[in-house]
């Protein structure tokens, strides 16, 4: 029954394409290049490597399993204004839907320029662009349709559907863009606001004889961090995304506890939670040490889907490596997670 439920879910995506959504992460703050191309190169350090893994609704035939890997870095240091940053990055993402019936793979290249708005560089405005190549494969041999269901509960009758028993490949180029403002009051805190648009060129997909247009995904997001004690820092973030008739809103935060009293290279433990409206509570645990930050969340369904998912919305893990400057210098405060 779980496999059937997964197939029904997949078919719902095809039949109601108006409400189709891109792959998404509960830890949106730890997946910079899927959230906003303007994040490219926006971090303290030499190079950043970020990885994300999400298994959503595993009880429903592994409905969505999404993984990403990205690398980005500032370039032309020493040739720009000392407080400006030009970033370049690449990202690969794979998404398996309904236990592999639909496989989607993406490869993108992004760039962003961050311009200092004041003498100290505490306030910056960044603009980013991203080009992507998408490749999708639908395995029709794993699909079952209503007119194939025999009276004894087996799938025997021929369906006559155009994609039944076939493997369909779709590919296209995509274009995304975004802006972000980042500021600090004293060099120890940070706040940021951004907006991004994905699928600006509205690429077309076809799995049968017709086409449908991939609608733009518009996201606004913001957050920041603020020391609230001798060894604690409050991190908060929120985002709202809309794509055609689908939308989601997440808000939340975490407290970071500095375990080694080193504020330049802290070893910190994070605990907190995010909330996706009308869908899930998302408890969060994180750990930061040396050049690494790791986070783990678990979606607990609160929507009507909680019966089918048994309240198991899915696990998500993020790991970010940022190589620090060898001279130990402190950069301009940047969005952090």
C-alpha atoms as a PDB file:
ATOM      1  CA  UNK A   1       0.000   0.000   0.000  1.00  0.00           C
ATOM      2  CA  UNK A   2       2.877   2.397   0.655  1.00  0.00           C
ATOM      3  CA  UNK A   3       4.090   1.926  -2.930  1.00  0.00           C
ATOM      4  CA  UNK A   4       0.591   2.580  -4.243  1.00  0.00           C
ATOM      5  CA  UNK A   5       0.350   5.703  -2.100  1.00  0.00           C
ATOM      6  CA  UNK A   6       3.673   6.897  -3.494  1.00  0.00           C
ATOM      7  CA  UNK A   7       2.463   6.320  -7.049  1.00  0.00           C
ATOM      8  CA  UNK A   8      -0.742   8.222  -6.349  1.00  0.00           C
ATOM      9  CA  UNK A   9       1.360  11.057  -4.937  1.00  0.00           C
ATOM     10  CA  UNK A  10       3.559  11.093  -8.039  1.00  0.00           C
ATOM     11  CA  UNK A  11       0.599  11.047 -10.405  1.00  0.00           C
ATOM     12  CA  UNK A  12      -0.860  13.945  -8.466  1.00  0.00           C
ATOM     13  CA  UNK A  13       2.244  15.920  -9.319  1.00  0.00           C
ATOM     14  CA  UNK A  14       1.809  15.167 -13.034  1.00  0.00           C
ATOM     15  CA  UNK A  15      -1.947  15.704 -13.193  1.00  0.00           C
ATOM     16  CA  UNK A  16      -1.958  18.940 -11.186  1.00  0.00           C
ATOM     17  CA  UNK A  17       1.206  20.543 -12.485  1.00  0.00           C
ATOM     18  CA  UNK A  18      -0.049  23.957 -11.491  1.00  0.00           C
ATOM     19  CA  UNK A  19       0.844  23.123  -7.899  1.00  0.00           C
ATOM     20  CA  UNK A  20       4.203  21.447  -8.555  1.00  0.00           C
ATOM     21  CA  UNK A  21       7.027  22.521  -6.266  1.00  0.00           C
ATOM     22  CA  UNK A  22      10.790  22.450  -6.542  1.00  0.00           C
ATOM     23  CA  UNK A  23      12.779  20.277  -4.129  1.00  0.00           C
ATOM     24  CA  UNK A  24      13.161  22.132  -0.854  1.00  0.00           C
ATOM     25  CA  UNK A  25      14.976  21.869   2.471  1.00  0.00           C
ATOM     26  CA  UNK A  26      13.809  22.475   6.022  1.00  0.00           C
ATOM     27  CA  UNK A  27      17.364  23.682   6.685  1.00  0.00           C
ATOM     28  CA  UNK A  28      17.056  26.279   3.936  1.00  0.00           C
ATOM     29  CA  UNK A  29      19.660  28.377   5.759  1.00  0.00           C
ATOM     30  CA  UNK A  30      22.244  25.570   5.258  1.00  0.00           C
ATOM     31  CA  UNK A  31      21.660  25.180   1.508  1.00  0.00           C
ATOM     32  CA  UNK A  32      22.780  28.585   0.232  1.00  0.00           C
ATOM     33  CA  UNK A  33      22.789  28.053  -3.533  1.00  0.00           C
ATOM     34  CA  UNK A  34      19.308  26.495  -3.668  1.00  0.00           C
ATOM     35  CA  UNK A  35      17.920  29.440  -1.695  1.00  0.00           C
ATOM     36  CA  UNK A  36      19.500  32.447  -3.384  1.00  0.00           C
ATOM     37  CA  UNK A  37      22.277  32.787  -5.999  1.00  0.00           C
ATOM     38  CA  UNK A  38      23.302  36.004  -4.235  1.00  0.00           C
ATOM     39  CA  UNK A  39      24.712  33.836  -1.396  1.00  0.00           C
ATOM     40  CA  UNK A  40      27.562  32.827  -3.715  1.00  0.00           C
ATOM     41  CA  UNK A  41      30.840  33.793  -2.018  1.00  0.00           C
ATOM     42  CA  UNK A  42      29.024  35.338   0.948  1.00  0.00           C
ATOM     43  CA  UNK A  43      30.813  33.771   3.918  1.00  0.00           C
ATOM     44  CA  UNK A  44      33.873  34.270   6.108  1.00  0.00           C
ATOM     45  CA  UNK A  45      36.707  32.184   4.713  1.00  0.00           C
ATOM     46  CA  UNK A  46      38.573  30.977   1.637  1.00  0.00           C
ATOM     47  CA  UNK A  47      36.257  28.281   0.244  1.00  0.00           C
ATOM     48  CA  UNK A  48      32.930  26.757   1.284  1.00  0.00           C
ATOM     49  CA  UNK A  49      31.698  23.219   0.604  1.00  0.00           C
ATOM     50  CA  UNK A  50      28.077  22.488   1.551  1.00  0.00           C
ATOM     51  CA  UNK A  51      26.218  19.188   1.434  1.00  0.00           C
ATOM     52  CA  UNK A  52      22.565  18.431   2.176  1.00  0.00           C
ATOM     53  CA  UNK A  53      20.517  15.232   2.362  1.00  0.00           C
ATOM     54  CA  UNK A  54      16.756  15.018   2.848  1.00  0.00           C
ATOM     55  CA  UNK A  55      14.488  11.949   2.979  1.00  0.00           C
ATOM     56  CA  UNK A  56      10.921  13.289   2.999  1.00  0.00           C
ATOM     57  CA  UNK A  57       7.934  11.078   3.869  1.00  0.00           C
ATOM     58  CA  UNK A  58       9.930   7.805   3.933  1.00  0.00           C
ATOM     59  CA  UNK A  59       6.770   5.973   5.000  1.00  0.00           C
ATOM     60  CA  UNK A  60       5.132   6.851   1.672  1.00  0.00           C
ATOM     61  CA  UNK A  61       7.365   4.761  -0.612  1.00  0.00           C
ATOM     62  CA  UNK A  62      10.363   7.116  -0.097  1.00  0.00           C
ATOM     63  CA  UNK A  63       8.411   9.897  -1.734  1.00  0.00           C
ATOM     64  CA  UNK A  64      11.248  12.421  -2.085  1.00  0.00           C
ATOM     65  CA  UNK A  65      14.984  11.887  -1.483  1.00  0.00           C
ATOM     66  CA  UNK A  66      17.040  14.983  -2.277  1.00  0.00           C
ATOM     67  CA  UNK A  67      20.807  15.547  -2.090  1.00  0.00           C
ATOM     68  CA  UNK A  68      22.992  18.530  -2.963  1.00  0.00           C
ATOM     69  CA  UNK A  69      26.692  19.340  -3.052  1.00  0.00           C
ATOM     70  CA  UNK A  70      27.993  22.856  -3.672  1.00  0.00           C
ATOM     71  CA  UNK A  71      31.371  24.606  -3.714  1.00  0.00           C
ATOM     72  CA  UNK A  72      31.807  28.375  -3.799  1.00  0.00           C
ATOM     73  CA  UNK A  73      34.577  30.868  -3.094  1.00  0.00           C
ATOM     74  CA  UNK A  74      35.449  34.548  -3.417  1.00  0.00           C
ATOM     75  CA  UNK A  75      37.674  35.338  -6.405  1.00  0.00           C
ATOM     76  CA  UNK A  76      40.020  38.156  -7.457  1.00  0.00           C
ATOM     77  CA  UNK A  77      40.906  39.051  -3.883  1.00  0.00           C
ATOM     78  CA  UNK A  78      43.341  41.951  -3.888  1.00  0.00           C
ATOM     79  CA  UNK A  79      42.007  43.272  -7.193  1.00  0.00           C
ATOM     80  CA  UNK A  80      38.725  44.574  -5.810  1.00  0.00           C
ATOM     81  CA  UNK A  81      37.810  47.121  -3.173  1.00  0.00           C
ATOM     82  CA  UNK A  82      39.026  45.597   0.117  1.00  0.00           C
ATOM     83  CA  UNK A  83      35.451  45.325   1.423  1.00  0.00           C
ATOM     84  CA  UNK A  84      33.882  44.053  -1.808  1.00  0.00           C
ATOM     85  CA  UNK A  85      33.506  40.370  -2.694  1.00  0.00           C
ATOM     86  CA  UNK A  86      33.005  38.620  -6.013  1.00  0.00           C
ATOM     87  CA  UNK A  87      31.935  34.995  -5.618  1.00  0.00           C
ATOM     88  CA  UNK A  88      31.863  32.014  -7.981  1.00  0.00           C
ATOM     89  CA  UNK A  89      30.223  28.658  -7.263  1.00  0.00           C
ATOM     90  CA  UNK A  90      28.972  25.360  -8.673  1.00  0.00           C
ATOM     91  CA  UNK A  91      26.242  23.081  -7.361  1.00  0.00           C
ATOM     92  CA  UNK A  92      24.940  19.607  -8.153  1.00  0.00           C
ATOM     93  CA  UNK A  93      21.547  18.379  -6.941  1.00  0.00           C
ATOM     94  CA  UNK A  94      19.695  15.108  -7.385  1.00  0.00           C
ATOM     95  CA  UNK A  95      16.082  14.383  -6.467  1.00  0.00           C
ATOM     96  CA  UNK A  96      14.470  10.910  -6.503  1.00  0.00           C
ATOM     97  CA  UNK A  97      10.668  10.912  -6.437  1.00  0.00           C
ATOM     98  CA  UNK A  98       8.384   7.955  -5.584  1.00  0.00           C
ATOM     99  CA  UNK A  99      11.251   5.538  -4.927  1.00  0.00           C
ATOM    100  CA  UNK A 100      13.037   6.441  -8.150  1.00  0.00           C
ATOM    101  CA  UNK A 101      10.135   6.525 -10.618  1.00  0.00           C
ATOM    102  CA  UNK A 102      11.162  10.112 -11.402  1.00  0.00           C
ATOM    103  CA  UNK A 103      14.844  11.073 -11.176  1.00  0.00           C
ATOM    104  CA  UNK A 104      15.849  14.722 -11.515  1.00  0.00           C
ATOM    105  CA  UNK A 105      19.440  15.956 -11.725  1.00  0.00           C
ATOM    106  CA  UNK A 106      20.649  19.552 -11.810  1.00  0.00           C
ATOM    107  CA  UNK A 107      24.051  21.160 -12.394  1.00  0.00           C
ATOM    108  CA  UNK A 108      24.418  24.895 -11.934  1.00  0.00           C
ATOM    109  CA  UNK A 109      27.029  27.644 -12.004  1.00  0.00           C
ATOM    110  CA  UNK A 110      26.485  30.849 -10.048  1.00  0.00           C
ATOM    111  CA  UNK A 111      28.203  34.153  -9.481  1.00  0.00           C
ATOM    112  CA  UNK A 112      27.506  37.118  -7.203  1.00  0.00           C
ATOM    113  CA  UNK A 113      29.017  40.494  -6.446  1.00  0.00           C
ATOM    114  CA  UNK A 114      28.754  42.011  -2.965  1.00  0.00           C
ATOM    115  CA  UNK A 115      29.293  45.760  -2.788  1.00  0.00           C
ATOM    116  CA  UNK A 116      30.204  47.483   0.478  1.00  0.00           C
ATOM    117  CA  UNK A 117      27.876  50.381   1.292  1.00  0.00           C
ATOM    118  CA  UNK A 118      30.006  51.944   4.043  1.00  0.00           C
ATOM    119  CA  UNK A 119      33.668  52.479   4.852  1.00  0.00           C
ATOM    120  CA  UNK A 120      33.920  49.537   7.261  1.00  0.00           C
ATOM    121  CA  UNK A 121      32.043  47.149   4.982  1.00  0.00           C
ATOM    122  CA  UNK A 122      29.528  46.343   7.715  1.00  0.00           C
ATOM    123  CA  UNK A 123      26.681  46.939   5.258  1.00  0.00           C
ATOM    124  CA  UNK A 124      26.709  45.204   1.873  1.00  0.00           C
ATOM    125  CA  UNK A 125      24.386  44.678  -1.053  1.00  0.00           C
ATOM    126  CA  UNK A 126      24.822  41.594  -3.225  1.00  0.00           C
ATOM    127  CA  UNK A 127      23.396  40.580  -6.592  1.00  0.00           C
ATOM    128  CA  UNK A 128      23.726  37.038  -7.909  1.00  0.00           C
ATOM    129  CA  UNK A 129      22.920  35.032 -11.029  1.00  0.00           C
ATOM    130  CA  UNK A 130      22.763  31.301 -11.658  1.00  0.00           C
ATOM    131  CA  UNK A 131      22.555  29.220 -14.804  1.00  0.00           C
ATOM    132  CA  UNK A 132      21.475  25.582 -14.514  1.00  0.00           C
ATOM    133  CA  UNK A 133      21.108  22.489 -16.663  1.00  0.00           C
ATOM    134  CA  UNK A 134      18.303  20.114 -15.655  1.00  0.00           C
ATOM    135  CA  UNK A 135      17.896  16.474 -16.696  1.00  0.00           C
ATOM    136  CA  UNK A 136      14.859  14.412 -15.677  1.00  0.00           C
ATOM    137  CA  UNK A 137      14.059  10.750 -16.321  1.00  0.00           C
ATOM    138  CA  UNK A 138      10.633   9.181 -15.817  1.00  0.00           C
ATOM    139  CA  UNK A 139      10.517   5.379 -15.670  1.00  0.00           C
ATOM    140  CA  UNK A 140       7.050   4.559 -16.975  1.00  0.00           C
ATOM    141  CA  UNK A 141       7.630   0.834 -16.485  1.00  0.00           C
ATOM    142  CA  UNK A 142       7.129   1.351 -12.738  1.00  0.00           C
ATOM    143  CA  UNK A 143       3.837   3.221 -13.128  1.00  0.00           C
ATOM    144  CA  UNK A 144       0.392   1.671 -12.691  1.00  0.00           C
ATOM    145  CA  UNK A 145      -2.827   3.335 -13.758  1.00  0.00           C
ATOM    146  CA  UNK A 146      -6.460   2.882 -12.765  1.00  0.00           C
ATOM    147  CA  UNK A 147      -7.477   0.958 -15.883  1.00  0.00           C
ATOM    148  CA  UNK A 148      -4.700  -1.609 -15.246  1.00  0.00           C
ATOM    149  CA  UNK A 149      -6.190  -2.742 -11.937  1.00  0.00           C
ATOM    150  CA  UNK A 150      -7.789  -6.189 -12.197  1.00  0.00           C
ATOM    151  CA  UNK A 151     -10.616  -7.434  -9.982  1.00  0.00           C
ATOM    152  CA  UNK A 152      -8.229  -9.614  -7.958  1.00  0.00           C
ATOM    153  CA  UNK A 153      -6.136  -6.576  -7.010  1.00  0.00           C
ATOM    154  CA  UNK A 154      -3.267  -7.246  -9.436  1.00  0.00           C
ATOM    155  CA  UNK A 155      -1.997  -4.918 -12.157  1.00  0.00           C
ATOM    156  CA  UNK A 156      -2.689  -6.837 -15.379  1.00  0.00           C
ATOM    157  CA  UNK A 157      -4.812  -4.848 -17.803  1.00  0.00           C
ATOM    158  CA  UNK A 158      -2.981  -2.799 -20.460  1.00  0.00           C
ATOM    159  CA  UNK A 159      -3.161   0.871 -19.691  1.00  0.00           C
ATOM    160  CA  UNK A 160      -2.772   2.504 -23.079  1.00  0.00           C
ATOM    161  CA  UNK A 161      -1.183   5.492 -21.357  1.00  0.00           C
ATOM    162  CA  UNK A 162       1.480   7.280 -23.409  1.00  0.00           C
ATOM    163  CA  UNK A 163       4.197   6.920 -20.768  1.00  0.00           C
ATOM    164  CA  UNK A 164       3.327   3.409 -19.590  1.00  0.00           C
ATOM    165  CA  UNK A 165       6.259   0.999 -19.960  1.00  0.00           C
ATOM    166  CA  UNK A 166       8.563   3.654 -21.394  1.00  0.00           C
ATOM    167  CA  UNK A 167      11.446   5.746 -20.087  1.00  0.00           C
ATOM    168  CA  UNK A 168      11.066   9.423 -20.865  1.00  0.00           C
ATOM    169  CA  UNK A 169      13.967  11.887 -20.679  1.00  0.00           C
ATOM    170  CA  UNK A 170      13.573  15.647 -20.401  1.00  0.00           C
ATOM    171  CA  UNK A 171      16.318  18.273 -20.279  1.00  0.00           C
ATOM    172  CA  UNK A 172      16.415  22.054 -20.339  1.00  0.00           C
ATOM    173  CA  UNK A 173      18.427  25.114 -19.314  1.00  0.00           C
ATOM    174  CA  UNK A 174      17.285  27.313 -16.454  1.00  0.00           C
ATOM    175  CA  UNK A 175      18.103  30.792 -15.175  1.00  0.00           C
ATOM    176  CA  UNK A 176      17.866  32.157 -11.609  1.00  0.00           C
ATOM    177  CA  UNK A 177      18.745  35.414  -9.860  1.00  0.00           C
ATOM    178  CA  UNK A 178      18.655  37.034  -6.431  1.00  0.00           C
ATOM    179  CA  UNK A 179      19.649  39.944  -4.219  1.00  0.00           C
ATOM    180  CA  UNK A 180      20.710  40.096  -0.575  1.00  0.00           C
ATOM    181  CA  UNK A 181      21.419  42.856   1.923  1.00  0.00           C
ATOM    182  CA  UNK A 182      23.654  42.082   4.896  1.00  0.00           C
ATOM    183  CA  UNK A 183      24.413  44.396   7.811  1.00  0.00           C
ATOM    184  CA  UNK A 184      26.012  44.613  11.240  1.00  0.00           C
ATOM    185  CA  UNK A 185      25.823  47.184  14.040  1.00  0.00           C
ATOM    186  CA  UNK A 186      29.172  46.475  15.724  1.00  0.00           C
ATOM    187  CA  UNK A 187      30.928  43.622  13.917  1.00  0.00           C
ATOM    188  CA  UNK A 188      29.695  40.978  16.357  1.00  0.00           C
ATOM    189  CA  UNK A 189      26.133  40.625  15.093  1.00  0.00           C
ATOM    190  CA  UNK A 190      24.581  40.248  11.652  1.00  0.00           C
ATOM    191  CA  UNK A 191      21.201  40.656  10.006  1.00  0.00           C
ATOM    192  CA  UNK A 192      20.208  40.001   6.408  1.00  0.00           C
ATOM    193  CA  UNK A 193      17.285  40.156   3.996  1.00  0.00           C
ATOM    194  CA  UNK A 194      17.100  38.678   0.533  1.00  0.00           C
ATOM    195  CA  UNK A 195      14.895  37.721  -2.373  1.00  0.00           C
ATOM    196  CA  UNK A 196      15.351  35.288  -5.239  1.00  0.00           C
ATOM    197  CA  UNK A 197      13.556  34.141  -8.380  1.00  0.00           C
ATOM    198  CA  UNK A 198      14.172  30.698  -9.881  1.00  0.00           C
ATOM    199  CA  UNK A 199      12.995  29.592 -13.368  1.00  0.00           C
ATOM    200  CA  UNK A 200      12.981  33.134 -14.722  1.00  0.00           C
ATOM    201  CA  UNK A 201      12.950  31.817 -18.297  1.00  0.00           C
ATOM    202  CA  UNK A 202       9.976  29.506 -17.540  1.00  0.00           C
ATOM    203  CA  UNK A 203      11.398  26.309 -19.071  1.00  0.00           C
ATOM    204  CA  UNK A 204       9.002  23.739 -20.534  1.00  0.00           C
ATOM    205  CA  UNK A 205       8.759  20.082 -19.556  1.00  0.00           C
ATOM    206  CA  UNK A 206       6.931  17.252 -21.310  1.00  0.00           C
ATOM    207  CA  UNK A 207       6.403  13.656 -20.195  1.00  0.00           C
ATOM    208  CA  UNK A 208       3.493  12.851 -22.519  1.00  0.00           C
ATOM    209  CA  UNK A 209       2.329  14.522 -25.736  1.00  0.00           C
ATOM    210  CA  UNK A 210       1.833  17.934 -24.200  1.00  0.00           C
ATOM    211  CA  UNK A 211       3.988  20.523 -22.478  1.00  0.00           C
ATOM    212  CA  UNK A 212       3.673  22.408 -19.256  1.00  0.00           C
ATOM    213  CA  UNK A 213       5.596  25.465 -18.173  1.00  0.00           C
ATOM    214  CA  UNK A 214       7.699  25.397 -15.019  1.00  0.00           C
ATOM    215  CA  UNK A 215       6.468  28.403 -13.088  1.00  0.00           C
ATOM    216  CA  UNK A 216       8.905  30.825 -11.380  1.00  0.00           C
ATOM    217  CA  UNK A 217       9.638  30.225  -7.694  1.00  0.00           C
ATOM    218  CA  UNK A 218       9.815  33.493  -5.756  1.00  0.00           C
ATOM    219  CA  UNK A 219      11.391  33.473  -2.283  1.00  0.00           C
ATOM    220  CA  UNK A 220      11.899  36.149   0.331  1.00  0.00           C
ATOM    221  CA  UNK A 221      14.033  35.345   3.348  1.00  0.00           C
ATOM    222  CA  UNK A 222      15.841  36.946   6.247  1.00  0.00           C
ATOM    223  CA  UNK A 223      17.448  36.385   9.597  1.00  0.00           C
ATOM    224  CA  UNK A 224      20.474  37.120  11.702  1.00  0.00           C
ATOM    225  CA  UNK A 225      22.436  36.334  14.838  1.00  0.00           C
ATOM    226  CA  UNK A 226      22.959  38.269  18.048  1.00  0.00           C
ATOM    227  CA  UNK A 227      25.056  37.527  21.161  1.00  0.00           C
ATOM    228  CA  UNK A 228      22.666  37.244  24.123  1.00  0.00           C
ATOM    229  CA  UNK A 229      25.089  36.220  26.859  1.00  0.00           C
ATOM    230  CA  UNK A 230      28.710  35.472  27.643  1.00  0.00           C
ATOM    231  CA  UNK A 231      28.650  32.130  25.808  1.00  0.00           C
ATOM    232  CA  UNK A 232      25.332  32.115  23.912  1.00  0.00           C
ATOM    233  CA  UNK A 233      24.242  33.491  20.542  1.00  0.00           C
ATOM    234  CA  UNK A 234      20.706  33.602  19.179  1.00  0.00           C
ATOM    235  CA  UNK A 235      20.259  32.666  15.505  1.00  0.00           C
ATOM    236  CA  UNK A 236      16.913  33.289  13.768  1.00  0.00           C
ATOM    237  CA  UNK A 237      15.774  32.896  10.170  1.00  0.00           C
ATOM    238  CA  UNK A 238      12.612  32.784   8.087  1.00  0.00           C
ATOM    239  CA  UNK A 239      11.587  32.293   4.490  1.00  0.00           C
ATOM    240  CA  UNK A 240       8.464  32.438   2.374  1.00  0.00           C
ATOM    241  CA  UNK A 241       8.346  30.815  -1.065  1.00  0.00           C
ATOM    242  CA  UNK A 242       5.627  30.765  -3.686  1.00  0.00           C
ATOM    243  CA  UNK A 243       5.508  28.801  -6.932  1.00  0.00           C
ATOM    244  CA  UNK A 244       2.297  28.945  -8.925  1.00  0.00           C
ATOM    245  CA  UNK A 245      -0.406  27.838  -6.469  1.00  0.00           C
ATOM    246  CA  UNK A 246       2.041  26.249  -3.988  1.00  0.00           C
ATOM    247  CA  UNK A 247       3.636  28.140  -1.135  1.00  0.00           C
ATOM    248  CA  UNK A 248       5.435  27.527   2.156  1.00  0.00           C
ATOM    249  CA  UNK A 249       6.485  29.655   5.114  1.00  0.00           C
ATOM    250  CA  UNK A 250       9.117  28.692   7.686  1.00  0.00           C
ATOM    251  CA  UNK A 251      10.192  30.576  10.802  1.00  0.00           C
ATOM    252  CA  UNK A 252      12.395  29.575  13.714  1.00  0.00           C
ATOM    253  CA  UNK A 253      15.703  29.855  15.464  1.00  0.00           C
ATOM    254  CA  UNK A 254      18.375  28.213  17.578  1.00  0.00           C
ATOM    255  CA  UNK A 255      20.631  29.050  20.486  1.00  0.00           C
ATOM    256  CA  UNK A 256      24.363  28.419  20.029  1.00  0.00           C
ATOM    257  CA  UNK A 257      26.353  27.553  23.158  1.00  0.00           C
ATOM    258  CA  UNK A 258      30.074  28.324  22.916  1.00  0.00           C
ATOM    259  CA  UNK A 259      31.841  25.334  24.495  1.00  0.00           C
ATOM    260  CA  UNK A 260      35.470  26.495  24.321  1.00  0.00           C
ATOM    261  CA  UNK A 261      35.257  30.273  25.015  1.00  0.00           C
ATOM    262  CA  UNK A 262      36.913  30.944  21.651  1.00  0.00           C
ATOM    263  CA  UNK A 263      34.904  33.491  19.716  1.00  0.00           C
ATOM    264  CA  UNK A 264      37.122  33.479  16.611  1.00  0.00           C
ATOM    265  CA  UNK A 265      36.987  29.670  16.071  1.00  0.00           C
ATOM    266  CA  UNK A 266      34.272  28.464  18.422  1.00  0.00           C
ATOM    267  CA  UNK A 267      33.211  24.940  19.229  1.00  0.00           C
ATOM    268  CA  UNK A 268      29.461  25.381  19.573  1.00  0.00           C
ATOM    269  CA  UNK A 269      26.361  23.300  20.198  1.00  0.00           C
ATOM    270  CA  UNK A 270      23.066  24.442  18.639  1.00  0.00           C
ATOM    271  CA  UNK A 271      19.553  23.586  19.744  1.00  0.00           C
ATOM    272  CA  UNK A 272      16.334  25.036  18.377  1.00  0.00           C
ATOM    273  CA  UNK A 273      13.335  24.503  16.145  1.00  0.00           C
ATOM    274  CA  UNK A 274      11.664  25.789  12.999  1.00  0.00           C
ATOM    275  CA  UNK A 275       7.983  25.651  12.061  1.00  0.00           C
ATOM    276  CA  UNK A 276       6.555  25.175   8.584  1.00  0.00           C
ATOM    277  CA  UNK A 277       3.064  26.657   8.696  1.00  0.00           C
ATOM    278  CA  UNK A 278       0.216  24.181   8.203  1.00  0.00           C
ATOM    279  CA  UNK A 279       2.686  21.329   7.811  1.00  0.00           C
ATOM    280  CA  UNK A 280       5.354  20.474  10.397  1.00  0.00           C
ATOM    281  CA  UNK A 281       7.367  21.209  13.510  1.00  0.00           C
ATOM    282  CA  UNK A 282      11.103  20.898  12.802  1.00  0.00           C
ATOM    283  CA  UNK A 283      13.389  20.314  15.842  1.00  0.00           C
ATOM    284  CA  UNK A 284      17.030  21.184  15.116  1.00  0.00           C
ATOM    285  CA  UNK A 285      20.372  20.111  16.604  1.00  0.00           C
ATOM    286  CA  UNK A 286      23.717  21.401  15.358  1.00  0.00           C
ATOM    287  CA  UNK A 287      27.396  21.215  16.151  1.00  0.00           C
ATOM    288  CA  UNK A 288      30.239  23.480  15.047  1.00  0.00           C
ATOM    289  CA  UNK A 289      33.909  22.634  15.411  1.00  0.00           C
ATOM    290  CA  UNK A 290      37.083  23.756  13.620  1.00  0.00           C
ATOM    291  CA  UNK A 291      36.059  24.464  10.007  1.00  0.00           C
ATOM    292  CA  UNK A 292      32.896  22.309  10.076  1.00  0.00           C
ATOM    293  CA  UNK A 293      29.231  22.870  10.905  1.00  0.00           C
ATOM    294  CA  UNK A 294      26.731  20.016  10.976  1.00  0.00           C
ATOM    295  CA  UNK A 295      22.979  20.222  11.452  1.00  0.00           C
ATOM    296  CA  UNK A 296      20.170  17.683  11.770  1.00  0.00           C
ATOM    297  CA  UNK A 297      16.408  18.188  11.667  1.00  0.00           C
ATOM    298  CA  UNK A 298      13.404  15.896  11.764  1.00  0.00           C
ATOM    299  CA  UNK A 299      10.065  17.045  10.375  1.00  0.00           C
ATOM    300  CA  UNK A 300       7.129  16.085  12.575  1.00  0.00           C
ATOM    301  CA  UNK A 301       3.983  16.350  10.458  1.00  0.00           C
ATOM    302  CA  UNK A 302       1.134  18.399  11.893  1.00  0.00           C
ATOM    303  CA  UNK A 303      -0.965  18.498   8.693  1.00  0.00           C
ATOM    304  CA  UNK A 304      -3.618  16.048   7.483  1.00  0.00           C
ATOM    305  CA  UNK A 305      -0.823  13.985   5.949  1.00  0.00           C
ATOM    306  CA  UNK A 306       0.305  12.897   9.420  1.00  0.00           C
ATOM    307  CA  UNK A 307      -1.943   9.801   9.228  1.00  0.00           C
ATOM    308  CA  UNK A 308      -0.291   8.478   6.053  1.00  0.00           C
ATOM    309  CA  UNK A 309       3.215   9.537   7.100  1.00  0.00           C
ATOM    310  CA  UNK A 310       2.723   8.357  10.705  1.00  0.00           C
ATOM    311  CA  UNK A 311       3.954  11.861  11.659  1.00  0.00           C
ATOM    312  CA  UNK A 312       7.319  11.016  10.076  1.00  0.00           C
ATOM    313  CA  UNK A 313       7.884  13.970   7.830  1.00  0.00           C
ATOM    314  CA  UNK A 314      11.509  13.103   7.179  1.00  0.00           C
ATOM    315  CA  UNK A 315      15.084  13.496   8.308  1.00  0.00           C
ATOM    316  CA  UNK A 316      17.479  16.089   6.972  1.00  0.00           C
ATOM    317  CA  UNK A 317      21.233  16.474   7.484  1.00  0.00           C
ATOM    318  CA  UNK A 318      23.527  19.320   6.471  1.00  0.00           C
ATOM    319  CA  UNK A 319      27.312  19.568   6.584  1.00  0.00           C
ATOM    320  CA  UNK A 320      29.248  22.727   5.742  1.00  0.00           C
ATOM    321  CA  UNK A 321      33.024  23.054   5.539  1.00  0.00           C
ATOM    322  CA  UNK A 322      34.559  26.542   5.403  1.00  0.00           C
ATOM    323  CA  UNK A 323      38.325  26.792   5.074  1.00  0.00           C
ATOM    324  CA  UNK A 324      39.436  29.709   7.228  1.00  0.00           C
ATOM    325  CA  UNK A 325      42.149  32.232   6.377  1.00  0.00           C
ATOM    326  CA  UNK A 326      45.612  31.004   7.322  1.00  0.00           C
ATOM    327  CA  UNK A 327      46.480  34.336   8.971  1.00  0.00           C
ATOM    328  CA  UNK A 328      43.445  34.069  11.277  1.00  0.00           C
ATOM    329  CA  UNK A 329      42.042  37.449  10.274  1.00  0.00           C
ATOM    330  CA  UNK A 330      38.389  38.234  10.986  1.00  0.00           C
ATOM    331  CA  UNK A 331      36.251  39.082   7.994  1.00  0.00           C
ATOM    332  CA  UNK A 332      33.190  41.288   7.680  1.00  0.00           C
ATOM    333  CA  UNK A 333      30.189  39.729   9.514  1.00  0.00           C
ATOM    334  CA  UNK A 334      28.240  37.476   7.116  1.00  0.00           C
ATOM    335  CA  UNK A 335      25.065  35.370   7.305  1.00  0.00           C
ATOM    336  CA  UNK A 336      26.008  32.209   9.165  1.00  0.00           C
ATOM    337  CA  UNK A 337      24.677  28.660   9.456  1.00  0.00           C
END
